[in-house]
């Protein structure tokens, strides 16, 4: 008969190393040397880790990739400080293909951590309207980090649900299969910025992208056109997600500013040439969301006279040269500026 003490010793020999590694990974997360979990995207990992590391912000910028590259947090900080004389903190949390539902999940998690900002700014583009990022395979919602925020899907005995619950309990499980990331975190910690090619992610969450040459920008219009649906038809799930997002922010007393994110004028003209009612459908789609959620989606009027070829990384994304002027253009719009100032000064 095997003695109980022998079983205990054997268990410790087998599980002891695993527990030590688990505690080590937890320590890396607690010391901000490793993100809470992978989100399947290096830029998102660093951006979200910075958001939680830096703590509560006055203004949070959300949305998809057009927002991440187009609205510059430090420029907005300067505009607000010049107006109020008070120092403020603005952070970007926009991610490529970041659905409205994923944005709401992030807001709810910030609420649980007592990190809600006074103001959220989000941008909506035609890709958002058509529901490009609402399917069940959304990259963030199905990542370890996203599931730890949103909760575990499926029944209690389904494999995905079981794996998700393991992730909620174990940092080592969340980072399984990524020994290189764990080793990097142990040796050098977590980067605050990230550079890949001409793209540089700043600690503020802003992606500074290189400028396109005029001829390359023109060539890429067709590629961008192929990415867009010829028509704009808003799925019910987009309307429902937007209404839920707005209601969640209202429940938490967070001021919401929603803006239209324009594209390169030539891309919009080609979209109209391909489908003559494209502009009408786009405007009707924005109006549909406005009516359903009871908020204004602010028309930025396209890009101002400052825009030139070097202002763009591609037909849908601004470059580092264009982000500052566009952010100042946003600030010049009363419907953008006034609610931000009201929210930031109401507690003063």
C-alpha atoms as a PDB file:
ATOM      1  CA  UNK A   1       0.000   0.000   0.000  1.00  0.00           C
ATOM      2  CA  UNK A   2       1.275   3.443  -0.904  1.00  0.00           C
ATOM      3  CA  UNK A   3       1.571   5.641   2.118  1.00  0.00           C
ATOM      4  CA  UNK A   4      -0.110   9.090   2.128  1.00  0.00           C
ATOM      5  CA  UNK A   5       3.239  10.787   2.767  1.00  0.00           C
ATOM      6  CA  UNK A   6       4.619   9.138  -0.350  1.00  0.00           C
ATOM      7  CA  UNK A   7       1.714  10.465  -2.416  1.00  0.00           C
ATOM      8  CA  UNK A   8       2.264  13.936  -0.984  1.00  0.00           C
ATOM      9  CA  UNK A   9       5.976  13.877  -1.821  1.00  0.00           C
ATOM     10  CA  UNK A  10       5.268  12.599  -5.327  1.00  0.00           C
ATOM     11  CA  UNK A  11       2.664  15.303  -5.873  1.00  0.00           C
ATOM     12  CA  UNK A  12       5.049  18.003  -4.707  1.00  0.00           C
ATOM     13  CA  UNK A  13       7.775  16.699  -6.992  1.00  0.00           C
ATOM     14  CA  UNK A  14       5.401  16.755  -9.932  1.00  0.00           C
ATOM     15  CA  UNK A  15       3.499  19.964  -9.218  1.00  0.00           C
ATOM     16  CA  UNK A  16       6.160  21.939  -7.393  1.00  0.00           C
ATOM     17  CA  UNK A  17       7.988  23.165 -10.523  1.00  0.00           C
ATOM     18  CA  UNK A  18       4.667  24.121 -12.140  1.00  0.00           C
ATOM     19  CA  UNK A  19       3.648  26.131  -9.078  1.00  0.00           C
ATOM     20  CA  UNK A  20       7.005  27.882  -9.006  1.00  0.00           C
ATOM     21  CA  UNK A  21       6.666  28.861 -12.659  1.00  0.00           C
ATOM     22  CA  UNK A  22       3.060  29.962 -12.082  1.00  0.00           C
ATOM     23  CA  UNK A  23       4.139  32.234  -9.245  1.00  0.00           C
ATOM     24  CA  UNK A  24       6.970  33.553 -11.402  1.00  0.00           C
ATOM     25  CA  UNK A  25       4.614  34.463 -14.268  1.00  0.00           C
ATOM     26  CA  UNK A  26       2.204  36.104 -11.827  1.00  0.00           C
ATOM     27  CA  UNK A  27       5.080  38.168 -10.467  1.00  0.00           C
ATOM     28  CA  UNK A  28       6.065  39.285 -13.967  1.00  0.00           C
ATOM     29  CA  UNK A  29       2.499  40.486 -14.543  1.00  0.00           C
ATOM     30  CA  UNK A  30       2.282  42.240 -11.162  1.00  0.00           C
ATOM     31  CA  UNK A  31       5.624  44.010 -11.780  1.00  0.00           C
ATOM     32  CA  UNK A  32       4.442  45.257 -15.189  1.00  0.00           C
ATOM     33  CA  UNK A  33       7.085  43.192 -16.956  1.00  0.00           C
ATOM     34  CA  UNK A  34       4.448  41.161 -18.815  1.00  0.00           C
ATOM     35  CA  UNK A  35       0.912  42.018 -19.998  1.00  0.00           C
ATOM     36  CA  UNK A  36      -1.986  40.386 -18.186  1.00  0.00           C
ATOM     37  CA  UNK A  37      -2.481  38.056 -21.153  1.00  0.00           C
ATOM     38  CA  UNK A  38      -1.702  37.920 -24.868  1.00  0.00           C
ATOM     39  CA  UNK A  39      -4.197  39.530 -27.194  1.00  0.00           C
ATOM     40  CA  UNK A  40      -2.752  37.868 -30.317  1.00  0.00           C
ATOM     41  CA  UNK A  41      -1.324  41.183 -31.497  1.00  0.00           C
ATOM     42  CA  UNK A  42       1.981  42.679 -30.284  1.00  0.00           C
ATOM     43  CA  UNK A  43       0.863  46.267 -30.814  1.00  0.00           C
ATOM     44  CA  UNK A  44      -2.344  45.639 -28.867  1.00  0.00           C
ATOM     45  CA  UNK A  45      -0.441  43.874 -26.072  1.00  0.00           C
ATOM     46  CA  UNK A  46       1.835  46.856 -25.533  1.00  0.00           C
ATOM     47  CA  UNK A  47      -0.928  49.427 -25.959  1.00  0.00           C
ATOM     48  CA  UNK A  48      -3.303  47.765 -23.491  1.00  0.00           C
ATOM     49  CA  UNK A  49      -0.514  47.064 -21.018  1.00  0.00           C
ATOM     50  CA  UNK A  50       0.411  50.751 -21.069  1.00  0.00           C
ATOM     51  CA  UNK A  51      -3.227  51.694 -20.504  1.00  0.00           C
ATOM     52  CA  UNK A  52      -3.419  49.648 -17.306  1.00  0.00           C
ATOM     53  CA  UNK A  53       0.100  50.534 -16.206  1.00  0.00           C
ATOM     54  CA  UNK A  54      -0.512  54.285 -16.459  1.00  0.00           C
ATOM     55  CA  UNK A  55      -3.786  54.161 -14.537  1.00  0.00           C
ATOM     56  CA  UNK A  56      -6.889  56.319 -14.800  1.00  0.00           C
ATOM     57  CA  UNK A  57      -6.898  58.869 -17.618  1.00  0.00           C
ATOM     58  CA  UNK A  58      -8.899  62.043 -18.130  1.00  0.00           C
ATOM     59  CA  UNK A  59      -9.654  61.237 -21.780  1.00  0.00           C
ATOM     60  CA  UNK A  60      -9.550  57.852 -23.500  1.00  0.00           C
ATOM     61  CA  UNK A  61      -9.423  57.552 -27.288  1.00  0.00           C
ATOM     62  CA  UNK A  62     -11.065  54.397 -28.660  1.00  0.00           C
ATOM     63  CA  UNK A  63     -11.916  52.928 -32.032  1.00  0.00           C
ATOM     64  CA  UNK A  64     -10.215  51.002 -34.813  1.00  0.00           C
ATOM     65  CA  UNK A  65      -6.979  51.564 -36.739  1.00  0.00           C
ATOM     66  CA  UNK A  66      -8.066  54.826 -38.390  1.00  0.00           C
ATOM     67  CA  UNK A  67      -8.453  56.306 -34.906  1.00  0.00           C
ATOM     68  CA  UNK A  68      -5.240  54.775 -33.573  1.00  0.00           C
ATOM     69  CA  UNK A  69      -3.180  56.521 -36.243  1.00  0.00           C
ATOM     70  CA  UNK A  70      -5.365  59.593 -36.778  1.00  0.00           C
ATOM     71  CA  UNK A  71      -6.078  61.092 -33.337  1.00  0.00           C
ATOM     72  CA  UNK A  72      -2.901  62.058 -31.502  1.00  0.00           C
ATOM     73  CA  UNK A  73      -3.171  62.004 -27.676  1.00  0.00           C
ATOM     74  CA  UNK A  74      -0.363  64.473 -26.917  1.00  0.00           C
ATOM     75  CA  UNK A  75      -1.771  66.988 -29.399  1.00  0.00           C
ATOM     76  CA  UNK A  76      -5.186  66.725 -27.755  1.00  0.00           C
ATOM     77  CA  UNK A  77      -3.578  67.149 -24.336  1.00  0.00           C
ATOM     78  CA  UNK A  78      -1.963  70.369 -25.534  1.00  0.00           C
ATOM     79  CA  UNK A  79      -5.246  71.714 -26.911  1.00  0.00           C
ATOM     80  CA  UNK A  80      -7.088  71.006 -23.669  1.00  0.00           C
ATOM     81  CA  UNK A  81      -4.343  72.439 -21.472  1.00  0.00           C
ATOM     82  CA  UNK A  82      -4.154  75.608 -23.587  1.00  0.00           C
ATOM     83  CA  UNK A  83      -7.910  76.043 -23.108  1.00  0.00           C
ATOM     84  CA  UNK A  84      -8.189  75.178 -19.407  1.00  0.00           C
ATOM     85  CA  UNK A  85      -4.741  75.899 -18.001  1.00  0.00           C
ATOM     86  CA  UNK A  86      -4.890  72.485 -16.312  1.00  0.00           C
ATOM     87  CA  UNK A  87      -2.704  69.467 -16.975  1.00  0.00           C
ATOM     88  CA  UNK A  88      -4.679  66.532 -18.368  1.00  0.00           C
ATOM     89  CA  UNK A  89      -3.845  63.002 -19.392  1.00  0.00           C
ATOM     90  CA  UNK A  90      -5.062  61.533 -22.684  1.00  0.00           C
ATOM     91  CA  UNK A  91      -4.438  57.918 -23.647  1.00  0.00           C
ATOM     92  CA  UNK A  92      -5.139  56.022 -26.837  1.00  0.00           C
ATOM     93  CA  UNK A  93      -6.644  52.537 -26.687  1.00  0.00           C
ATOM     94  CA  UNK A  94      -7.787  52.175 -30.314  1.00  0.00           C
ATOM     95  CA  UNK A  95      -6.803  48.921 -32.009  1.00  0.00           C
ATOM     96  CA  UNK A  96      -6.990  47.625 -35.583  1.00  0.00           C
ATOM     97  CA  UNK A  97     -10.308  45.934 -36.205  1.00  0.00           C
ATOM     98  CA  UNK A  98     -11.530  46.841 -32.706  1.00  0.00           C
ATOM     99  CA  UNK A  99     -15.276  46.246 -32.768  1.00  0.00           C
ATOM    100  CA  UNK A 100     -17.768  48.350 -30.839  1.00  0.00           C
ATOM    101  CA  UNK A 101     -18.543  45.291 -28.695  1.00  0.00           C
ATOM    102  CA  UNK A 102     -14.841  44.893 -27.859  1.00  0.00           C
ATOM    103  CA  UNK A 103     -14.663  48.560 -26.891  1.00  0.00           C
ATOM    104  CA  UNK A 104     -17.550  48.016 -24.485  1.00  0.00           C
ATOM    105  CA  UNK A 105     -15.805  45.011 -22.959  1.00  0.00           C
ATOM    106  CA  UNK A 106     -12.743  47.178 -22.319  1.00  0.00           C
ATOM    107  CA  UNK A 107     -14.874  49.906 -20.739  1.00  0.00           C
ATOM    108  CA  UNK A 108     -16.513  47.398 -18.399  1.00  0.00           C
ATOM    109  CA  UNK A 109     -13.112  46.082 -17.366  1.00  0.00           C
ATOM    110  CA  UNK A 110     -11.822  49.594 -16.694  1.00  0.00           C
ATOM    111  CA  UNK A 111     -14.896  50.137 -14.520  1.00  0.00           C
ATOM    112  CA  UNK A 112     -14.048  47.023 -12.499  1.00  0.00           C
ATOM    113  CA  UNK A 113     -10.559  48.424 -11.965  1.00  0.00           C
ATOM    114  CA  UNK A 114     -11.898  51.891 -11.051  1.00  0.00           C
ATOM    115  CA  UNK A 115     -10.079  53.344 -14.067  1.00  0.00           C
ATOM    116  CA  UNK A 116     -12.860  54.963 -16.076  1.00  0.00           C
ATOM    117  CA  UNK A 117     -11.968  58.272 -17.736  1.00  0.00           C
ATOM    118  CA  UNK A 118     -14.118  61.398 -17.689  1.00  0.00           C
ATOM    119  CA  UNK A 119     -14.379  61.373 -21.490  1.00  0.00           C
ATOM    120  CA  UNK A 120     -14.289  58.703 -24.197  1.00  0.00           C
ATOM    121  CA  UNK A 121     -13.713  59.703 -27.807  1.00  0.00           C
ATOM    122  CA  UNK A 122     -14.415  57.069 -30.439  1.00  0.00           C
ATOM    123  CA  UNK A 123     -14.444  57.170 -34.207  1.00  0.00           C
ATOM    124  CA  UNK A 124     -16.599  55.280 -36.695  1.00  0.00           C
ATOM    125  CA  UNK A 125     -15.667  54.564 -40.303  1.00  0.00           C
ATOM    126  CA  UNK A 126     -17.535  52.875 -43.175  1.00  0.00           C
ATOM    127  CA  UNK A 127     -15.877  49.553 -42.305  1.00  0.00           C
ATOM    128  CA  UNK A 128     -17.383  49.820 -38.833  1.00  0.00           C
ATOM    129  CA  UNK A 129     -20.792  50.584 -40.312  1.00  0.00           C
ATOM    130  CA  UNK A 130     -20.733  47.471 -42.476  1.00  0.00           C
ATOM    131  CA  UNK A 131     -19.929  45.284 -39.476  1.00  0.00           C
ATOM    132  CA  UNK A 132     -16.542  44.058 -40.651  1.00  0.00           C
ATOM    133  CA  UNK A 133     -15.413  43.282 -37.090  1.00  0.00           C
ATOM    134  CA  UNK A 134     -18.540  41.831 -35.516  1.00  0.00           C
ATOM    135  CA  UNK A 135     -18.212  38.133 -36.358  1.00  0.00           C
ATOM    136  CA  UNK A 136     -17.639  35.466 -33.751  1.00  0.00           C
ATOM    137  CA  UNK A 137     -13.978  35.135 -34.750  1.00  0.00           C
ATOM    138  CA  UNK A 138     -13.109  38.653 -33.629  1.00  0.00           C
ATOM    139  CA  UNK A 139      -9.401  38.625 -32.812  1.00  0.00           C
ATOM    140  CA  UNK A 140      -9.650  40.366 -29.444  1.00  0.00           C
ATOM    141  CA  UNK A 141     -12.829  38.795 -28.133  1.00  0.00           C
ATOM    142  CA  UNK A 142     -11.322  35.350 -28.725  1.00  0.00           C
ATOM    143  CA  UNK A 143      -7.892  36.179 -27.304  1.00  0.00           C
ATOM    144  CA  UNK A 144      -6.807  35.218 -23.797  1.00  0.00           C
ATOM    145  CA  UNK A 145      -6.963  38.859 -22.723  1.00  0.00           C
ATOM    146  CA  UNK A 146     -10.330  39.505 -24.318  1.00  0.00           C
ATOM    147  CA  UNK A 147     -11.913  36.407 -22.816  1.00  0.00           C
ATOM    148  CA  UNK A 148     -10.573  37.280 -19.373  1.00  0.00           C
ATOM    149  CA  UNK A 149     -12.494  40.557 -19.687  1.00  0.00           C
ATOM    150  CA  UNK A 150     -15.648  39.339 -21.410  1.00  0.00           C
ATOM    151  CA  UNK A 151     -16.149  36.060 -19.571  1.00  0.00           C
ATOM    152  CA  UNK A 152     -16.101  32.464 -20.725  1.00  0.00           C
ATOM    153  CA  UNK A 153     -18.391  31.394 -23.579  1.00  0.00           C
ATOM    154  CA  UNK A 154     -20.388  28.196 -23.875  1.00  0.00           C
ATOM    155  CA  UNK A 155     -21.515  25.578 -21.410  1.00  0.00           C
ATOM    156  CA  UNK A 156     -19.470  24.551 -18.375  1.00  0.00           C
ATOM    157  CA  UNK A 157     -18.187  21.340 -19.983  1.00  0.00           C
ATOM    158  CA  UNK A 158     -17.335  22.751 -23.403  1.00  0.00           C
ATOM    159  CA  UNK A 159     -13.571  22.691 -24.117  1.00  0.00           C
ATOM    160  CA  UNK A 160     -13.353  26.420 -24.923  1.00  0.00           C
ATOM    161  CA  UNK A 161     -15.150  27.326 -21.714  1.00  0.00           C
ATOM    162  CA  UNK A 162     -12.907  25.056 -19.649  1.00  0.00           C
ATOM    163  CA  UNK A 163      -9.770  26.533 -21.229  1.00  0.00           C
ATOM    164  CA  UNK A 164     -11.122  30.034 -20.616  1.00  0.00           C
ATOM    165  CA  UNK A 165     -11.711  29.325 -16.926  1.00  0.00           C
ATOM    166  CA  UNK A 166      -8.185  27.959 -16.602  1.00  0.00           C
ATOM    167  CA  UNK A 167      -7.002  31.274 -18.013  1.00  0.00           C
ATOM    168  CA  UNK A 168      -8.950  33.193 -15.390  1.00  0.00           C
ATOM    169  CA  UNK A 169      -7.165  31.209 -12.678  1.00  0.00           C
ATOM    170  CA  UNK A 170      -3.665  30.801 -14.067  1.00  0.00           C
ATOM    171  CA  UNK A 171      -1.272  33.345 -15.580  1.00  0.00           C
ATOM    172  CA  UNK A 172       0.914  30.486 -16.779  1.00  0.00           C
ATOM    173  CA  UNK A 173      -2.044  29.013 -18.682  1.00  0.00           C
ATOM    174  CA  UNK A 174      -2.781  32.368 -20.318  1.00  0.00           C
ATOM    175  CA  UNK A 175       0.812  32.508 -21.563  1.00  0.00           C
ATOM    176  CA  UNK A 176       1.112  28.842 -22.489  1.00  0.00           C
ATOM    177  CA  UNK A 177       3.039  28.142 -25.668  1.00  0.00           C
ATOM    178  CA  UNK A 178       4.909  31.463 -25.562  1.00  0.00           C
ATOM    179  CA  UNK A 179       8.197  30.735 -23.738  1.00  0.00           C
ATOM    180  CA  UNK A 180      10.015  33.422 -25.726  1.00  0.00           C
ATOM    181  CA  UNK A 181       7.695  36.122 -24.380  1.00  0.00           C
ATOM    182  CA  UNK A 182       8.135  34.860 -20.828  1.00  0.00           C
ATOM    183  CA  UNK A 183      11.914  34.816 -21.212  1.00  0.00           C
ATOM    184  CA  UNK A 184      11.918  38.328 -22.662  1.00  0.00           C
ATOM    185  CA  UNK A 185       9.763  39.570 -19.781  1.00  0.00           C
ATOM    186  CA  UNK A 186      12.117  38.001 -17.239  1.00  0.00           C
ATOM    187  CA  UNK A 187      15.248  39.412 -18.888  1.00  0.00           C
ATOM    188  CA  UNK A 188      14.230  42.876 -20.057  1.00  0.00           C
ATOM    189  CA  UNK A 189      10.638  43.486 -19.016  1.00  0.00           C
ATOM    190  CA  UNK A 190       7.850  44.764 -21.203  1.00  0.00           C
ATOM    191  CA  UNK A 191       8.494  47.381 -23.882  1.00  0.00           C
ATOM    192  CA  UNK A 192       6.650  50.684 -23.532  1.00  0.00           C
ATOM    193  CA  UNK A 193       6.877  51.368 -27.268  1.00  0.00           C
ATOM    194  CA  UNK A 194       7.062  49.149 -30.320  1.00  0.00           C
ATOM    195  CA  UNK A 195       8.640  49.681 -33.723  1.00  0.00           C
ATOM    196  CA  UNK A 196       7.899  47.597 -36.802  1.00  0.00           C
ATOM    197  CA  UNK A 197       9.091  48.986 -40.104  1.00  0.00           C
ATOM    198  CA  UNK A 198       7.789  52.537 -40.519  1.00  0.00           C
ATOM    199  CA  UNK A 199       5.236  52.113 -37.711  1.00  0.00           C
ATOM    200  CA  UNK A 200       6.042  53.269 -34.186  1.00  0.00           C
ATOM    201  CA  UNK A 201       3.607  52.716 -31.342  1.00  0.00           C
ATOM    202  CA  UNK A 202       4.067  55.415 -28.704  1.00  0.00           C
ATOM    203  CA  UNK A 203       3.442  54.856 -25.010  1.00  0.00           C
ATOM    204  CA  UNK A 204       0.384  57.109 -25.411  1.00  0.00           C
ATOM    205  CA  UNK A 205      -1.267  54.497 -27.652  1.00  0.00           C
ATOM    206  CA  UNK A 206      -0.781  56.564 -30.810  1.00  0.00           C
ATOM    207  CA  UNK A 207       0.639  54.777 -33.852  1.00  0.00           C
ATOM    208  CA  UNK A 208       3.002  57.066 -35.752  1.00  0.00           C
ATOM    209  CA  UNK A 209       3.121  55.784 -39.314  1.00  0.00           C
ATOM    210  CA  UNK A 210       5.357  56.770 -42.195  1.00  0.00           C
ATOM    211  CA  UNK A 211       4.102  58.880 -45.080  1.00  0.00           C
ATOM    212  CA  UNK A 212       3.144  57.461 -48.459  1.00  0.00           C
ATOM    213  CA  UNK A 213       4.544  58.918 -51.636  1.00  0.00           C
ATOM    214  CA  UNK A 214       1.932  60.544 -53.861  1.00  0.00           C
ATOM    215  CA  UNK A 215       2.220  57.907 -56.588  1.00  0.00           C
ATOM    216  CA  UNK A 216       2.060  55.035 -54.081  1.00  0.00           C
ATOM    217  CA  UNK A 217      -0.961  56.590 -52.396  1.00  0.00           C
ATOM    218  CA  UNK A 218      -2.771  56.773 -55.727  1.00  0.00           C
ATOM    219  CA  UNK A 219      -1.913  53.149 -56.544  1.00  0.00           C
ATOM    220  CA  UNK A 220      -3.219  52.006 -53.183  1.00  0.00           C
ATOM    221  CA  UNK A 221      -6.642  53.575 -53.719  1.00  0.00           C
ATOM    222  CA  UNK A 222      -7.782  50.531 -55.706  1.00  0.00           C
ATOM    223  CA  UNK A 223      -6.501  48.186 -53.013  1.00  0.00           C
ATOM    224  CA  UNK A 224      -8.388  50.150 -50.373  1.00  0.00           C
ATOM    225  CA  UNK A 225     -11.484  50.198 -52.589  1.00  0.00           C
ATOM    226  CA  UNK A 226     -11.383  46.402 -52.812  1.00  0.00           C
ATOM    227  CA  UNK A 227     -11.480  46.292 -48.997  1.00  0.00           C
ATOM    228  CA  UNK A 228     -14.694  48.323 -48.857  1.00  0.00           C
ATOM    229  CA  UNK A 229     -18.108  46.899 -49.627  1.00  0.00           C
ATOM    230  CA  UNK A 230     -19.748  48.645 -52.609  1.00  0.00           C
ATOM    231  CA  UNK A 231     -22.832  49.343 -50.522  1.00  0.00           C
ATOM    232  CA  UNK A 232     -23.286  50.335 -46.898  1.00  0.00           C
ATOM    233  CA  UNK A 233     -25.830  48.240 -45.048  1.00  0.00           C
ATOM    234  CA  UNK A 234     -25.729  48.332 -41.254  1.00  0.00           C
ATOM    235  CA  UNK A 235     -26.280  44.894 -39.679  1.00  0.00           C
ATOM    236  CA  UNK A 236     -28.551  44.724 -36.644  1.00  0.00           C
ATOM    237  CA  UNK A 237     -25.611  43.582 -34.525  1.00  0.00           C
ATOM    238  CA  UNK A 238     -23.792  46.863 -35.201  1.00  0.00           C
ATOM    239  CA  UNK A 239     -26.809  48.904 -34.110  1.00  0.00           C
ATOM    240  CA  UNK A 240     -27.267  46.765 -31.005  1.00  0.00           C
ATOM    241  CA  UNK A 241     -23.576  46.962 -30.117  1.00  0.00           C
ATOM    242  CA  UNK A 242     -23.492  50.723 -30.542  1.00  0.00           C
ATOM    243  CA  UNK A 243     -26.610  51.250 -28.419  1.00  0.00           C
ATOM    244  CA  UNK A 244     -25.200  48.988 -25.693  1.00  0.00           C
ATOM    245  CA  UNK A 245     -21.842  50.803 -25.789  1.00  0.00           C
ATOM    246  CA  UNK A 246     -23.528  54.201 -25.414  1.00  0.00           C
ATOM    247  CA  UNK A 247     -25.761  52.967 -22.598  1.00  0.00           C
ATOM    248  CA  UNK A 248     -22.816  51.481 -20.713  1.00  0.00           C
ATOM    249  CA  UNK A 249     -20.947  54.793 -20.800  1.00  0.00           C
ATOM    250  CA  UNK A 250     -24.064  56.661 -19.713  1.00  0.00           C
ATOM    251  CA  UNK A 251     -24.503  54.277 -16.769  1.00  0.00           C
ATOM    252  CA  UNK A 252     -20.949  55.046 -15.689  1.00  0.00           C
ATOM    253  CA  UNK A 253     -21.366  58.820 -16.206  1.00  0.00           C
ATOM    254  CA  UNK A 254     -18.653  58.949 -18.859  1.00  0.00           C
ATOM    255  CA  UNK A 255     -19.018  61.657 -21.511  1.00  0.00           C
ATOM    256  CA  UNK A 256     -18.962  60.176 -25.019  1.00  0.00           C
ATOM    257  CA  UNK A 257     -17.847  62.012 -28.142  1.00  0.00           C
ATOM    258  CA  UNK A 258     -18.352  60.099 -31.408  1.00  0.00           C
ATOM    259  CA  UNK A 259     -16.799  61.323 -34.654  1.00  0.00           C
ATOM    260  CA  UNK A 260     -16.883  60.205 -38.247  1.00  0.00           C
ATOM    261  CA  UNK A 261     -13.484  59.049 -39.487  1.00  0.00           C
ATOM    262  CA  UNK A 262     -13.064  60.178 -43.108  1.00  0.00           C
ATOM    263  CA  UNK A 263     -10.961  58.531 -45.795  1.00  0.00           C
ATOM    264  CA  UNK A 264      -8.735  60.025 -48.464  1.00  0.00           C
ATOM    265  CA  UNK A 265     -10.986  62.109 -50.717  1.00  0.00           C
ATOM    266  CA  UNK A 266      -9.993  60.127 -53.800  1.00  0.00           C
ATOM    267  CA  UNK A 267     -11.051  56.876 -52.115  1.00  0.00           C
ATOM    268  CA  UNK A 268     -14.440  58.330 -51.233  1.00  0.00           C
ATOM    269  CA  UNK A 269     -14.845  59.642 -54.795  1.00  0.00           C
ATOM    270  CA  UNK A 270     -14.002  56.210 -56.237  1.00  0.00           C
ATOM    271  CA  UNK A 271     -16.503  54.603 -53.851  1.00  0.00           C
ATOM    272  CA  UNK A 272     -19.145  57.015 -55.116  1.00  0.00           C
ATOM    273  CA  UNK A 273     -18.225  56.366 -58.745  1.00  0.00           C
ATOM    274  CA  UNK A 274     -18.562  52.627 -58.181  1.00  0.00           C
ATOM    275  CA  UNK A 275     -21.880  52.958 -56.368  1.00  0.00           C
ATOM    276  CA  UNK A 276     -23.682  56.287 -56.966  1.00  0.00           C
ATOM    277  CA  UNK A 277     -25.652  56.168 -53.701  1.00  0.00           C
ATOM    278  CA  UNK A 278     -22.617  55.356 -51.512  1.00  0.00           C
ATOM    279  CA  UNK A 279     -22.570  58.778 -49.828  1.00  0.00           C
ATOM    280  CA  UNK A 280     -26.334  58.678 -49.238  1.00  0.00           C
ATOM    281  CA  UNK A 281     -26.091  55.206 -47.721  1.00  0.00           C
ATOM    282  CA  UNK A 282     -23.172  56.218 -45.515  1.00  0.00           C
ATOM    283  CA  UNK A 283     -25.006  59.275 -44.190  1.00  0.00           C
ATOM    284  CA  UNK A 284     -28.188  57.262 -43.656  1.00  0.00           C
ATOM    285  CA  UNK A 285     -26.184  54.675 -41.719  1.00  0.00           C
ATOM    286  CA  UNK A 286     -24.772  57.306 -39.385  1.00  0.00           C
ATOM    287  CA  UNK A 287     -28.270  58.736 -38.934  1.00  0.00           C
ATOM    288  CA  UNK A 288     -29.588  55.264 -38.081  1.00  0.00           C
ATOM    289  CA  UNK A 289     -27.008  54.840 -35.308  1.00  0.00           C
ATOM    290  CA  UNK A 290     -27.662  58.354 -34.010  1.00  0.00           C
ATOM    291  CA  UNK A 291     -31.403  57.755 -33.744  1.00  0.00           C
ATOM    292  CA  UNK A 292     -31.028  54.312 -32.157  1.00  0.00           C
ATOM    293  CA  UNK A 293     -28.555  55.443 -29.489  1.00  0.00           C
ATOM    294  CA  UNK A 294     -29.684  59.038 -29.006  1.00  0.00           C
ATOM    295  CA  UNK A 295     -26.239  60.556 -29.599  1.00  0.00           C
ATOM    296  CA  UNK A 296     -24.706  62.746 -32.266  1.00  0.00           C
ATOM    297  CA  UNK A 297     -22.045  61.285 -34.525  1.00  0.00           C
ATOM    298  CA  UNK A 298     -20.067  64.388 -35.397  1.00  0.00           C
ATOM    299  CA  UNK A 299     -19.278  65.023 -39.049  1.00  0.00           C
ATOM    300  CA  UNK A 300     -15.657  66.152 -39.302  1.00  0.00           C
ATOM    301  CA  UNK A 301     -16.219  67.518 -42.794  1.00  0.00           C
ATOM    302  CA  UNK A 302     -13.461  65.407 -44.311  1.00  0.00           C
ATOM    303  CA  UNK A 303      -9.849  66.461 -44.066  1.00  0.00           C
ATOM    304  CA  UNK A 304      -8.971  70.161 -44.047  1.00  0.00           C
ATOM    305  CA  UNK A 305      -6.797  72.197 -46.381  1.00  0.00           C
ATOM    306  CA  UNK A 306      -3.741  70.982 -44.475  1.00  0.00           C
ATOM    307  CA  UNK A 307      -4.060  67.489 -46.012  1.00  0.00           C
ATOM    308  CA  UNK A 308      -1.518  66.476 -48.653  1.00  0.00           C
ATOM    309  CA  UNK A 309       0.018  63.191 -49.785  1.00  0.00           C
ATOM    310  CA  UNK A 310       2.492  63.083 -46.888  1.00  0.00           C
ATOM    311  CA  UNK A 311      -0.430  63.371 -44.441  1.00  0.00           C
ATOM    312  CA  UNK A 312      -1.411  59.782 -45.241  1.00  0.00           C
ATOM    313  CA  UNK A 313       0.112  56.364 -44.651  1.00  0.00           C
ATOM    314  CA  UNK A 314      -2.466  54.884 -47.027  1.00  0.00           C
ATOM    315  CA  UNK A 315      -5.941  55.924 -48.264  1.00  0.00           C
ATOM    316  CA  UNK A 316      -7.601  55.006 -44.944  1.00  0.00           C
ATOM    317  CA  UNK A 317      -4.915  55.925 -42.405  1.00  0.00           C
ATOM    318  CA  UNK A 318      -3.184  59.169 -41.561  1.00  0.00           C
ATOM    319  CA  UNK A 319       0.587  59.334 -41.164  1.00  0.00           C
ATOM    320  CA  UNK A 320       2.507  60.952 -38.320  1.00  0.00           C
ATOM    321  CA  UNK A 321       2.477  64.163 -40.375  1.00  0.00           C
ATOM    322  CA  UNK A 322      -1.307  64.107 -40.664  1.00  0.00           C
ATOM    323  CA  UNK A 323      -2.371  63.052 -37.167  1.00  0.00           C
ATOM    324  CA  UNK A 324      -1.507  66.313 -35.436  1.00  0.00           C
ATOM    325  CA  UNK A 325      -3.353  68.578 -37.914  1.00  0.00           C
ATOM    326  CA  UNK A 326      -6.384  66.280 -37.898  1.00  0.00           C
ATOM    327  CA  UNK A 327      -6.500  66.297 -34.096  1.00  0.00           C
ATOM    328  CA  UNK A 328      -6.368  70.098 -34.095  1.00  0.00           C
ATOM    329  CA  UNK A 329      -9.127  70.093 -36.725  1.00  0.00           C
ATOM    330  CA  UNK A 330     -11.269  67.968 -34.398  1.00  0.00           C
ATOM    331  CA  UNK A 331     -10.634  70.372 -31.541  1.00  0.00           C
ATOM    332  CA  UNK A 332     -11.832  73.286 -33.675  1.00  0.00           C
ATOM    333  CA  UNK A 333     -15.294  71.671 -33.949  1.00  0.00           C
ATOM    334  CA  UNK A 334     -17.633  72.980 -31.252  1.00  0.00           C
ATOM    335  CA  UNK A 335     -19.492  69.668 -30.901  1.00  0.00           C
ATOM    336  CA  UNK A 336     -16.178  67.974 -30.106  1.00  0.00           C
ATOM    337  CA  UNK A 337     -14.542  70.613 -27.947  1.00  0.00           C
ATOM    338  CA  UNK A 338     -17.420  71.768 -25.746  1.00  0.00           C
ATOM    339  CA  UNK A 339     -18.530  68.420 -24.242  1.00  0.00           C
ATOM    340  CA  UNK A 340     -14.908  67.541 -23.496  1.00  0.00           C
ATOM    341  CA  UNK A 341     -14.339  70.826 -21.688  1.00  0.00           C
ATOM    342  CA  UNK A 342     -17.641  70.535 -19.835  1.00  0.00           C
ATOM    343  CA  UNK A 343     -16.824  67.046 -18.613  1.00  0.00           C
ATOM    344  CA  UNK A 344     -13.282  67.915 -17.548  1.00  0.00           C
ATOM    345  CA  UNK A 345     -14.201  71.122 -15.734  1.00  0.00           C
ATOM    346  CA  UNK A 346     -17.515  70.089 -14.133  1.00  0.00           C
ATOM    347  CA  UNK A 347     -15.712  68.679 -11.066  1.00  0.00           C
ATOM    348  CA  UNK A 348     -13.289  71.565 -10.761  1.00  0.00           C
END
